[in-house]
Amino acid sequence: MSELKDLELLVRGPIPLLLVESTEERRVVDLFTRVAGRIPGVPLFVWSVTEGLRRMDRGFTPQRHNAPPHEVLTHIKASGHPGIFLLLDFHPYLQDPMHVRLLKEIALAAEGQRQTVVLASHRVEVPAELQPLTARFRPALPGLGELQRVVDNEASRWARDNGPVRRDDHAVQLLVRNLSGLTLTDAHRLARRAIQDDGAITASDIPAIARAKYELIGKDGILSFEFDVARFDEVGGLRGLEHWLGQRRAAFLREPQAHKLDVPRGILLLGVQGCGKSLAAKAVAGSWGVPLLRLDFGRLYDKYVGETERNLRECLGTAEVMAPCVLWVDEIEKGLATGDTDGGTSRRVLGTLLTWMAENERPTFVVATANDVRALPPELVRKGRLDEIFFVDLPKPEVRARIFEIHLRKREQDSSLFDLERLASVSDGFSGAEIEQAVVSALYAAHAQDAPLTTGHVLEEIQRTHPLSVFMAERVAELRLWAVDRTVPAD
């Protein structure tokens, strides 16, 4: 009802041109039909280039002679009749100066004649000379209650032909939440897809629905859907981070028992390169059972003024639609390094990101990772922007043993046949990535010898490796010292 009221106020007000962006044309026509019914003496006319102009409340046939864009605009201008003139897919014709001028003249004379011209399409951009005369209206997306009815309706439709749908109540709640941000048409399509494959709604349907949802809304390549998420049992260490996330899971997913808690906003992961920050970001999404989106700052920047900020706003908008989700911003310092060499673009990007983080009300959890703390702007790292700053340090001996076990098992090796304690002892200063590489290189060596992998092979690779903590000892030591009193240990 508030959506209808807002639209009525725009039509009644002194706004001669309305821009409506939506892919649901039938819903837009229905909205304006209802609005016209609430305003006496203001009928609704609908135009398309194939049908011409048609008055909707009298059942008249379309005026096909008014099908050409120039003709319909000339007719609206000359008629002087009150009305709402809904022009469908008119956006290609805004390139013609004659059409632009006619729209401007209609708009300038519209207030005394009670005329409103509506340009409705999937996307509408008007020339600069028309912008002061226009207002935008975006139909509201369906709420959770309406989406619940969508799922129920699709389940009832299936049941009429195939019998009752098997339903898991928790899975139904997850499905409804994952449909949030979609149009009714797309919500019906994905709900139907979840049911049709096996006649059931279960937790196994949710990942496929999340991927299908992303494919509907995110195709620009700047924001990618990460299919390969992880669990914390695949990560060596980081138990402190795992515990912190476990305390906030219910609040983030807005489960009933935690409805009075603030929704967590995000974390910053600092640390030594190769110690598992990226894997931790994947584990956040995996442990919470939500989609993981990765923002690629390298593809975000554009040479044209204003395009980079627009790219970021579109990515953040997509993340909001995908909510609940985890937004992973990898190596954030490379995208937000402020300076005077880029015409202020990085400053504007930082401002856009910080504003969104402060104002966003959707459950979108930001996981930002960084290697160089000196390059981070102070506006980002101050308390209040994110919930916590974690430091991912070089792994301790027991964690190194666990990491060796994980990577041996991933490569179908029996870890019980290896001296994990000895491997952990001699790999002091190794990061998780360096431990993995030692296992990989040892496998190559064993294969070349046509022999099974042994502890000796791995030890030889460890002895040949100079870890980053040795190769760049000063920088690593400086980073670890900086983090002692400024961050929370992730392990």
Protein backbone atom coordinates (compact mmCIF):
# COMPACT_ATOMS: atom_id res chain seq x y z
CA MET A 1 0.00 0.00 0.00
CA SER A 2 2.86 2.42 0.76
CA GLU A 3 4.28 1.74 -2.71
CA LEU A 4 0.93 2.64 -4.29
CA LYS A 5 0.66 5.75 -2.13
CA ASP A 6 4.17 6.90 -3.06
CA LEU A 7 3.40 6.49 -6.75
CA GLU A 8 0.11 8.37 -6.37
CA LEU A 9 1.91 11.29 -4.72
CA LEU A 10 4.34 11.47 -7.64
CA VAL A 11 1.52 11.46 -10.19
CA ARG A 12 -0.46 14.09 -8.28
CA GLY A 13 2.62 16.25 -7.69
CA PRO A 14 4.30 18.64 -10.09
CA ILE A 15 6.45 15.93 -11.71
CA PRO A 16 5.70 15.84 -15.45
CA LEU A 17 8.10 12.99 -16.35
CA LEU A 18 8.47 9.75 -14.42
CA LEU A 19 11.18 7.17 -15.08
CA VAL A 20 10.35 3.61 -14.03
CA GLU A 21 13.02 0.93 -14.22
CA SER A 22 11.69 -2.61 -13.95
CA THR A 23 11.77 -5.89 -15.83
CA GLU A 24 8.20 -6.70 -14.73
CA GLU A 25 6.17 -4.82 -17.31
CA ARG A 26 2.83 -6.34 -16.32
CA ARG A 27 3.32 -5.31 -12.72
CA VAL A 28 4.17 -1.74 -13.78
CA VAL A 29 1.01 -1.51 -15.91
CA ASP A 30 -1.03 -2.90 -13.02
CA LEU A 31 0.43 -0.34 -10.59
CA PHE A 32 -0.44 2.59 -12.85
CA THR A 33 -3.89 1.15 -13.52
CA ARG A 34 -4.55 1.15 -9.77
CA VAL A 35 -3.13 4.65 -9.36
CA ALA A 36 -5.31 5.99 -12.19
CA GLY A 37 -8.33 4.48 -10.44
CA ARG A 38 -7.53 6.54 -7.33
CA ILE A 39 -7.35 9.88 -9.18
CA PRO A 40 -10.69 10.99 -10.70
CA GLY A 41 -10.52 12.40 -14.20
CA VAL A 42 -7.00 11.11 -14.92
CA PRO A 43 -7.21 8.05 -17.20
CA LEU A 44 -4.32 5.75 -18.07
CA PHE A 45 -2.99 5.46 -21.63
CA VAL A 46 -0.44 2.77 -22.50
CA TRP A 47 1.77 2.94 -25.58
CA SER A 48 4.14 0.54 -27.31
CA VAL A 49 5.76 0.89 -30.71
CA THR A 50 4.00 -2.27 -31.91
CA GLU A 51 0.47 -1.51 -30.67
CA GLY A 52 0.24 2.26 -30.56
CA LEU A 53 -1.62 4.25 -27.88
CA ARG A 54 -4.52 2.67 -25.96
CA ARG A 55 -6.81 4.02 -23.26
CA MET A 56 -7.04 1.31 -20.63
CA ASP A 57 -10.26 2.11 -18.74
CA ARG A 58 -12.68 2.18 -21.71
CA GLY A 59 -11.63 -0.94 -23.55
CA PHE A 60 -10.81 1.05 -26.69
CA THR A 61 -8.75 -0.55 -29.44
CA PRO A 62 -5.17 0.75 -29.78
CA GLN A 63 -4.62 3.84 -31.93
CA ARG A 64 -2.17 2.31 -34.36
CA HIS A 65 -1.66 5.60 -36.16
CA ASN A 66 0.01 6.78 -32.94
CA ALA A 67 2.51 3.93 -32.91
CA PRO A 68 5.51 5.91 -34.29
CA PRO A 69 7.31 7.68 -31.39
CA HIS A 70 7.09 11.09 -33.07
CA GLU A 71 3.33 10.69 -33.63
CA VAL A 72 2.48 9.69 -30.07
CA LEU A 73 4.46 12.57 -28.57
CA THR A 74 2.87 15.03 -30.99
CA HIS A 75 -0.57 13.64 -30.07
CA ILE A 76 0.06 13.99 -26.31
CA LYS A 77 1.27 17.55 -26.76
CA ALA A 78 -1.62 18.61 -28.99
CA SER A 79 -4.44 16.85 -27.13
CA GLY A 80 -4.14 18.69 -23.84
CA HIS A 81 -6.14 15.87 -22.20
CA PRO A 82 -5.37 14.98 -18.55
CA GLY A 83 -3.95 11.52 -18.16
CA ILE A 84 -1.08 9.21 -17.36
CA PHE A 85 0.75 8.29 -20.56
CA LEU A 86 2.76 5.11 -19.92
CA LEU A 87 5.29 4.67 -22.74
CA LEU A 88 6.80 1.18 -22.73
CA ASP A 89 10.40 0.69 -23.88
CA PHE A 90 10.74 4.25 -25.14
CA HIS A 91 14.42 4.45 -24.16
CA PRO A 92 15.91 3.77 -27.64
CA TYR A 93 14.07 6.79 -29.03
CA LEU A 94 15.64 9.24 -26.57
CA GLN A 95 18.61 9.51 -28.92
CA ASP A 96 16.52 11.59 -31.34
CA PRO A 97 16.70 15.38 -30.60
CA MET A 98 13.14 15.80 -31.94
CA HIS A 99 11.78 13.34 -29.36
CA VAL A 100 13.75 15.00 -26.58
CA ARG A 101 12.39 18.41 -27.52
CA LEU A 102 8.80 17.16 -27.70
CA LEU A 103 9.11 15.55 -24.27
CA LYS A 104 10.48 18.78 -22.86
CA GLU A 105 7.61 20.82 -24.30
CA ILE A 106 5.07 18.31 -22.95
CA ALA A 107 6.70 18.47 -19.53
CA LEU A 108 6.78 22.28 -19.47
CA ALA A 109 3.05 22.44 -20.26
CA ALA A 110 1.98 19.41 -18.20
CA GLU A 111 1.27 21.06 -14.83
CA GLY A 112 -1.74 23.00 -16.04
CA GLN A 113 -3.04 20.05 -18.03
CA ARG A 114 -2.57 17.31 -15.36
CA GLN A 115 -0.49 15.17 -17.68
CA THR A 116 2.20 12.73 -16.56
CA VAL A 117 4.42 10.97 -19.08
CA VAL A 118 5.97 7.77 -17.78
CA LEU A 119 8.97 6.16 -19.47
CA ALA A 120 9.10 2.53 -18.37
CA SER A 121 11.82 0.06 -19.30
CA HIS A 122 14.47 -2.22 -17.81
CA ARG A 123 16.77 0.80 -17.76
CA VAL A 124 16.13 4.43 -18.63
CA GLU A 125 18.68 7.23 -18.94
CA VAL A 126 17.38 10.63 -20.02
CA PRO A 127 19.40 13.48 -21.59
CA ALA A 128 20.65 16.22 -19.29
CA GLU A 129 18.06 18.75 -20.46
CA LEU A 130 15.22 16.52 -19.24
CA GLN A 131 16.69 15.58 -15.87
CA PRO A 132 15.39 18.65 -13.94
CA LEU A 133 11.87 17.73 -15.08
CA THR A 134 11.98 14.06 -14.09
CA ALA A 135 11.69 11.83 -11.04
CA ARG A 136 12.51 8.14 -10.71
CA PHE A 137 10.29 5.45 -9.30
CA ARG A 138 11.44 1.88 -8.75
CA PRO A 139 8.73 -0.64 -7.86
CA ALA A 140 9.43 -2.30 -4.54
CA LEU A 141 10.69 -5.87 -4.56
CA PRO A 142 8.52 -8.42 -2.76
CA GLY A 143 9.01 -8.79 1.00
CA LEU A 144 9.53 -12.00 2.94
CA GLY A 145 5.79 -12.49 3.48
CA GLU A 146 5.08 -12.24 -0.23
CA LEU A 147 8.00 -14.56 -1.02
CA GLN A 148 6.65 -17.10 1.47
CA ARG A 149 3.37 -17.05 -0.46
CA VAL A 150 5.34 -17.58 -3.69
CA VAL A 151 6.91 -20.75 -2.26
CA ASP A 152 3.56 -21.94 -0.90
CA ASN A 153 1.85 -21.31 -4.25
CA GLU A 154 4.52 -23.22 -6.18
CA ALA A 155 4.29 -26.08 -3.68
CA SER A 156 0.50 -26.18 -4.10
CA ARG A 157 0.82 -26.15 -7.89
CA TRP A 158 3.22 -29.11 -7.73
CA ALA A 159 0.97 -30.96 -5.28
CA ARG A 160 -2.06 -30.75 -7.61
CA ASP A 161 -0.31 -32.90 -10.20
CA ASN A 162 2.29 -34.87 -8.26
CA GLY A 163 1.27 -35.19 -4.62
CA PRO A 164 2.44 -33.32 -1.50
CA VAL A 165 5.81 -31.59 -1.50
CA ARG A 166 8.21 -32.83 1.16
CA ARG A 167 9.23 -29.75 3.15
CA ASP A 168 11.91 -29.07 5.72
CA ASP A 169 10.80 -25.97 7.67
CA HIS A 170 14.34 -24.64 8.10
CA ALA A 171 15.09 -25.20 4.41
CA VAL A 172 11.89 -23.34 3.47
CA GLN A 173 13.04 -20.38 5.58
CA LEU A 174 16.45 -20.44 3.86
CA LEU A 175 14.78 -20.63 0.45
CA VAL A 176 12.54 -17.64 1.19
CA ARG A 177 15.51 -15.65 2.44
CA ASN A 178 17.54 -16.53 -0.67
CA LEU A 179 14.67 -15.36 -2.91
CA SER A 180 14.84 -11.93 -1.27
CA GLY A 181 15.86 -9.20 -3.71
CA LEU A 182 14.31 -10.88 -6.75
CA THR A 183 11.26 -9.87 -8.72
CA LEU A 184 8.10 -11.92 -8.32
CA THR A 185 8.63 -13.50 -11.73
CA ASP A 186 12.17 -14.64 -10.89
CA ALA A 187 11.14 -15.75 -7.39
CA HIS A 188 8.41 -17.99 -8.86
CA ARG A 189 10.90 -19.41 -11.35
CA LEU A 190 13.52 -20.31 -8.73
CA ALA A 191 10.99 -21.64 -6.22
CA ARG A 192 9.59 -23.87 -8.96
CA ARG A 193 13.12 -25.01 -9.79
CA ALA A 194 13.82 -25.96 -6.16
CA ILE A 195 10.72 -28.15 -6.04
CA GLN A 196 10.64 -29.74 -9.48
CA ASP A 197 13.88 -31.71 -9.37
CA ASP A 198 12.79 -34.02 -6.53
CA GLY A 199 9.42 -32.82 -5.24
CA ALA A 200 10.98 -31.55 -2.02
CA ILE A 201 12.41 -28.43 -0.40
CA THR A 202 15.57 -29.39 1.50
CA ALA A 203 18.84 -27.76 2.52
CA SER A 204 20.54 -29.34 -0.51
CA ASP A 205 18.50 -27.05 -2.79
CA ILE A 206 19.88 -23.81 -1.31
CA PRO A 207 23.39 -23.65 -2.92
CA ALA A 208 21.95 -24.20 -6.41
CA ILE A 209 19.28 -21.54 -5.83
CA ALA A 210 21.93 -19.07 -4.63
CA ARG A 211 24.01 -19.69 -7.77
CA ALA A 212 20.95 -19.32 -10.02
CA LYS A 213 20.02 -16.10 -8.26
CA TYR A 214 23.49 -14.67 -8.82
CA GLU A 215 23.37 -15.62 -12.50
CA LEU A 216 20.17 -13.58 -12.81
CA ILE A 217 21.63 -10.40 -11.33
CA GLY A 218 25.45 -10.45 -11.47
CA LYS A 219 27.06 -10.84 -14.87
CA ASP A 220 29.59 -7.98 -15.04
CA GLY A 221 32.65 -9.96 -13.91
CA ILE A 222 33.66 -7.40 -11.27
CA LEU A 223 31.73 -9.27 -8.60
CA SER A 224 32.13 -13.03 -8.84
CA PHE A 225 30.22 -15.85 -7.19
CA GLU A 226 32.68 -18.14 -5.39
CA PHE A 227 31.51 -21.72 -5.70
CA ASP A 228 34.46 -23.13 -3.73
CA VAL A 229 33.71 -22.24 -0.10
CA ALA A 230 35.38 -23.96 2.85
CA ARG A 231 34.71 -25.12 6.40
CA PHE A 232 36.85 -24.42 9.43
CA ASP A 233 37.79 -28.09 9.72
CA GLU A 234 39.64 -27.55 6.42
CA VAL A 235 41.60 -24.66 7.96
CA GLY A 236 44.54 -25.14 10.28
CA GLY A 237 44.08 -22.95 13.35
CA LEU A 238 41.98 -19.75 13.42
CA ARG A 239 39.97 -21.11 16.36
CA GLY A 240 39.59 -17.65 17.85
CA LEU A 241 37.99 -16.39 14.65
CA GLU A 242 35.81 -19.50 14.42
CA HIS A 243 34.54 -18.96 17.98
CA TRP A 244 33.85 -15.25 17.31
CA LEU A 245 31.84 -16.10 14.20
CA GLY A 246 29.94 -18.86 15.98
CA GLN A 247 28.69 -16.36 18.56
CA ARG A 248 27.30 -14.11 15.81
CA ARG A 249 25.86 -16.67 13.41
CA ALA A 250 22.30 -16.54 14.77
CA ALA A 251 22.27 -12.72 14.73
CA PHE A 252 23.52 -12.57 11.15
CA LEU A 253 20.99 -15.10 9.92
CA ARG A 254 18.29 -13.30 11.93
CA GLU A 255 17.16 -16.40 13.72
CA PRO A 256 14.27 -15.78 16.16
CA GLN A 257 16.30 -16.31 19.33
CA ALA A 258 18.69 -13.52 18.31
CA HIS A 259 16.24 -10.98 16.87
CA LYS A 260 17.20 -8.28 19.42
CA LEU A 261 20.90 -8.39 18.51
CA ASP A 262 22.58 -6.07 16.03
CA VAL A 263 23.44 -7.74 12.73
CA PRO A 264 27.26 -8.09 12.46
CA ARG A 265 28.74 -5.99 9.66
CA GLY A 266 32.17 -7.42 8.93
CA ILE A 267 35.80 -8.00 9.81
CA LEU A 268 39.25 -7.06 8.56
CA LEU A 269 41.81 -9.85 8.29
CA LEU A 270 45.43 -8.69 8.43
CA GLY A 271 48.40 -10.99 8.43
CA VAL A 272 51.47 -12.50 6.91
CA GLN A 273 51.11 -13.53 3.30
CA GLY A 274 50.16 -17.17 2.79
CA CYS A 275 48.78 -17.71 6.30
CA GLY A 276 45.19 -18.38 5.29
CA LYS A 277 43.33 -15.07 5.06
CA SER A 278 41.64 -16.01 1.79
CA LEU A 279 40.77 -19.48 3.07
CA ALA A 280 39.34 -17.88 6.21
CA ALA A 281 37.07 -15.67 4.07
CA LYS A 282 35.77 -18.78 2.34
CA ALA A 283 35.29 -20.50 5.69
CA VAL A 284 33.12 -17.64 6.98
CA ALA A 285 30.62 -18.24 4.16
CA GLY A 286 30.89 -22.01 4.49
CA SER A 287 30.33 -22.02 8.25
CA TRP A 288 27.30 -19.72 7.99
CA GLY A 289 25.89 -21.49 4.93
CA VAL A 290 25.53 -18.33 2.82
CA PRO A 291 26.78 -17.34 -0.66
CA LEU A 292 30.29 -15.89 -1.03
CA LEU A 293 30.82 -12.96 -3.40
CA ARG A 294 34.31 -11.73 -4.28
CA LEU A 295 34.86 -8.12 -5.26
CA ASP A 296 37.70 -7.73 -7.79
CA PHE A 297 39.17 -4.26 -7.31
CA GLY A 298 41.42 -4.81 -10.32
CA ARG A 299 38.40 -4.85 -12.64
CA LEU A 300 36.52 -2.18 -10.71
CA TYR A 301 38.57 0.78 -11.89
CA ASP A 302 37.59 2.47 -15.15
CA LYS A 303 39.37 5.18 -17.12
CA TYR A 304 36.23 7.32 -17.41
CA VAL A 305 35.39 9.79 -14.65
CA GLY A 306 32.63 8.51 -12.40
CA GLU A 307 32.48 5.01 -13.91
CA THR A 308 34.58 3.41 -11.15
CA GLU A 309 32.26 4.70 -8.43
CA ARG A 310 29.23 3.57 -10.45
CA ASN A 311 30.79 0.11 -10.85
CA LEU A 312 31.27 -0.10 -7.09
CA ARG A 313 27.72 1.03 -6.35
CA GLU A 314 26.35 -1.62 -8.72
CA CYS A 315 28.49 -4.32 -7.07
CA LEU A 316 27.35 -3.29 -3.61
CA GLY A 317 23.75 -3.24 -4.83
CA THR A 318 24.16 -6.78 -6.13
CA ALA A 319 25.57 -7.86 -2.77
CA GLU A 320 22.51 -6.38 -1.05
CA VAL A 321 20.23 -8.35 -3.39
CA MET A 322 22.18 -11.55 -2.65
CA ALA A 323 21.85 -11.03 1.12
CA PRO A 324 22.35 -12.87 3.35
CA CYS A 325 25.85 -13.28 1.95
CA VAL A 326 29.53 -12.71 2.62
CA LEU A 327 31.24 -10.01 0.55
CA TRP A 328 34.95 -10.80 0.29
CA VAL A 329 37.17 -7.84 -0.62
CA ASP A 330 40.60 -9.36 -1.20
CA GLU A 331 43.74 -7.22 -0.80
CA ILE A 332 41.61 -4.19 -0.08
CA GLU A 333 44.62 -1.93 0.36
CA LYS A 334 45.39 -2.16 -3.38
CA GLY A 335 42.00 -0.71 -4.26
CA LEU A 336 41.86 1.96 -1.58
CA ALA A 337 45.43 3.25 -1.56
CA THR A 338 44.73 6.98 -1.45
CA GLY A 339 46.92 9.48 -3.27
CA ASP A 340 47.00 12.26 -5.82
CA THR A 341 47.97 10.18 -8.84
CA ASP A 342 44.48 9.03 -9.85
CA GLY A 343 42.53 12.26 -9.86
CA GLY A 344 40.87 11.48 -6.55
CA THR A 345 39.20 8.27 -7.75
CA SER A 346 40.47 6.15 -4.84
CA ARG A 347 39.21 8.77 -2.38
CA ARG A 348 35.76 8.70 -3.95
CA VAL A 349 35.77 4.89 -3.97
CA LEU A 350 36.69 4.88 -0.29
CA GLY A 351 33.91 7.36 0.47
CA THR A 352 31.37 5.27 -1.45
CA LEU A 353 32.40 2.10 0.38
CA LEU A 354 32.37 3.71 3.83
CA THR A 355 28.97 5.30 3.24
CA TRP A 356 27.52 1.97 2.16
CA MET A 357 29.03 0.18 5.16
CA ALA A 358 27.43 2.74 7.48
CA GLU A 359 23.99 2.79 5.83
CA ASN A 360 23.48 -0.75 4.55
CA GLU A 361 20.73 -2.55 6.47
CA ARG A 362 20.83 -5.84 4.59
CA PRO A 363 22.69 -8.84 6.09
CA THR A 364 25.83 -8.45 3.99
CA PHE A 365 28.94 -9.44 5.96
CA VAL A 366 32.15 -7.85 4.69
CA VAL A 367 35.39 -9.82 4.96
CA ALA A 368 38.26 -7.57 3.91
CA THR A 369 41.76 -9.03 3.68
CA ALA A 370 45.01 -7.06 3.60
CA ASN A 371 48.74 -7.74 3.63
CA ASP A 372 50.15 -4.20 3.93
CA VAL A 373 48.61 -2.38 6.87
CA ARG A 374 50.58 0.79 6.08
CA ALA A 375 48.60 1.23 2.85
CA LEU A 376 45.21 1.09 4.57
CA PRO A 377 43.39 4.42 5.01
CA PRO A 378 42.79 5.26 8.70
CA GLU A 379 39.08 5.85 7.98
CA LEU A 380 38.68 2.14 7.29
CA VAL A 381 40.56 0.64 10.23
CA ARG A 382 39.13 2.79 13.00
CA LYS A 383 36.74 1.08 15.39
CA GLY A 384 33.12 1.21 14.30
CA ARG A 385 33.64 0.72 10.58
CA LEU A 386 33.98 -3.04 10.99
CA ASP A 387 33.19 -5.21 13.99
CA GLU A 388 36.73 -6.48 14.55
CA ILE A 389 40.27 -6.56 13.15
CA PHE A 390 41.88 -10.01 13.29
CA PHE A 391 45.54 -10.81 12.77
CA VAL A 392 46.42 -14.07 11.04
CA ASP A 393 49.90 -14.91 12.27
CA LEU A 394 52.43 -17.56 11.30
CA PRO A 395 51.09 -20.92 12.52
CA LYS A 396 52.21 -22.42 15.82
CA PRO A 397 53.73 -25.95 15.94
CA GLU A 398 50.43 -27.73 16.66
CA VAL A 399 48.73 -25.77 13.88
CA ARG A 400 51.55 -26.59 11.45
CA ALA A 401 51.06 -30.28 12.23
CA ARG A 402 47.36 -29.91 11.52
CA ILE A 403 48.09 -28.14 8.21
CA PHE A 404 50.45 -30.95 7.14
CA GLU A 405 47.70 -33.45 7.98
CA ILE A 406 45.09 -31.52 5.95
CA HIS A 407 47.25 -31.27 2.82
CA LEU A 408 48.41 -34.86 2.98
CA ARG A 409 44.82 -36.05 3.32
CA LYS A 410 43.70 -33.83 0.41
CA ARG A 411 46.23 -35.68 -1.74
CA GLU A 412 45.03 -39.10 -0.62
CA GLN A 413 48.01 -39.77 1.67
CA ASP A 414 47.64 -41.59 4.99
CA SER A 415 48.78 -38.95 7.46
CA SER A 416 49.27 -41.56 10.19
CA LEU A 417 52.31 -42.82 8.26
CA PHE A 418 54.07 -39.45 8.60
CA ASP A 419 55.93 -37.94 11.54
CA LEU A 420 53.77 -34.83 11.79
CA GLU A 421 55.45 -33.58 14.98
CA ARG A 422 58.88 -33.63 13.35
CA LEU A 423 57.57 -31.93 10.21
CA ALA A 424 55.98 -29.24 12.38
CA SER A 425 59.19 -28.76 14.35
CA VAL A 426 61.51 -28.25 11.36
CA SER A 427 59.04 -25.98 9.50
CA ASP A 428 59.21 -23.16 12.08
CA GLY A 429 58.42 -19.85 10.36
CA PHE A 430 56.54 -21.48 7.47
CA SER A 431 53.17 -20.17 6.42
CA GLY A 432 50.28 -22.45 5.53
CA ALA A 433 50.87 -21.84 1.82
CA GLU A 434 54.55 -22.76 2.17
CA ILE A 435 53.66 -25.97 4.03
CA GLU A 436 51.26 -26.91 1.22
CA GLN A 437 53.94 -26.26 -1.38
CA ALA A 438 56.41 -28.44 0.51
CA VAL A 439 53.92 -31.32 0.35
CA VAL A 440 53.28 -30.70 -3.35
CA SER A 441 57.00 -30.58 -4.20
CA ALA A 442 57.66 -33.71 -2.13
CA LEU A 443 55.00 -35.56 -4.12
CA TYR A 444 56.74 -34.59 -7.38
CA ALA A 445 60.06 -35.86 -5.98
CA ALA A 446 58.54 -39.16 -4.83
CA HIS A 447 56.82 -39.63 -8.19
CA ALA A 448 60.10 -39.05 -10.03
CA GLN A 449 61.70 -41.77 -7.90
CA ASP A 450 58.71 -44.06 -8.46
CA ALA A 451 58.43 -44.35 -4.68
CA PRO A 452 55.69 -43.71 -2.13
CA LEU A 453 55.75 -40.36 -0.37
CA THR A 454 57.54 -40.42 2.99
CA THR A 455 58.39 -38.02 5.78
CA GLY A 456 61.91 -37.86 4.34
CA HIS A 457 60.69 -36.45 1.03
CA VAL A 458 58.81 -33.67 2.81
CA LEU A 459 61.76 -32.91 5.10
CA GLU A 460 64.05 -32.51 2.08
CA GLU A 461 61.67 -29.98 0.53
CA ILE A 462 61.41 -28.06 3.82
CA GLN A 463 65.19 -27.83 4.06
CA ARG A 464 65.41 -26.47 0.51
CA THR A 465 62.80 -23.77 1.18
CA HIS A 466 63.53 -20.27 2.47
CA PRO A 467 60.20 -19.10 3.92
CA LEU A 468 58.99 -15.54 3.61
CA SER A 469 59.57 -15.02 7.34
CA VAL A 470 63.29 -15.48 6.63
CA PHE A 471 63.50 -13.97 3.16
CA MET A 472 61.72 -10.78 4.31
CA ALA A 473 62.38 -11.11 8.04
CA GLU A 474 62.42 -7.39 8.83
CA ARG A 475 59.07 -6.63 7.20
CA VAL A 476 57.36 -9.68 8.69
CA ALA A 477 58.72 -8.88 12.16
CA GLU A 478 57.55 -5.27 11.85
CA LEU A 479 54.04 -6.39 10.87
CA ARG A 480 53.81 -8.90 13.72
CA LEU A 481 55.03 -6.32 16.24
CA TRP A 482 52.51 -3.74 14.97
CA ALA A 483 49.64 -6.21 15.40
CA VAL A 484 50.36 -7.17 19.02
CA ASP A 485 48.35 -4.38 20.69
CA ARG A 486 46.16 -3.32 17.76
CA THR A 487 44.41 -6.48 16.62
CA VAL A 488 42.78 -9.67 17.91
CA PRO A 489 44.63 -12.96 17.27
CA ALA A 490 42.69 -15.12 14.81
CA ASP A 491 44.06 -18.26 16.47
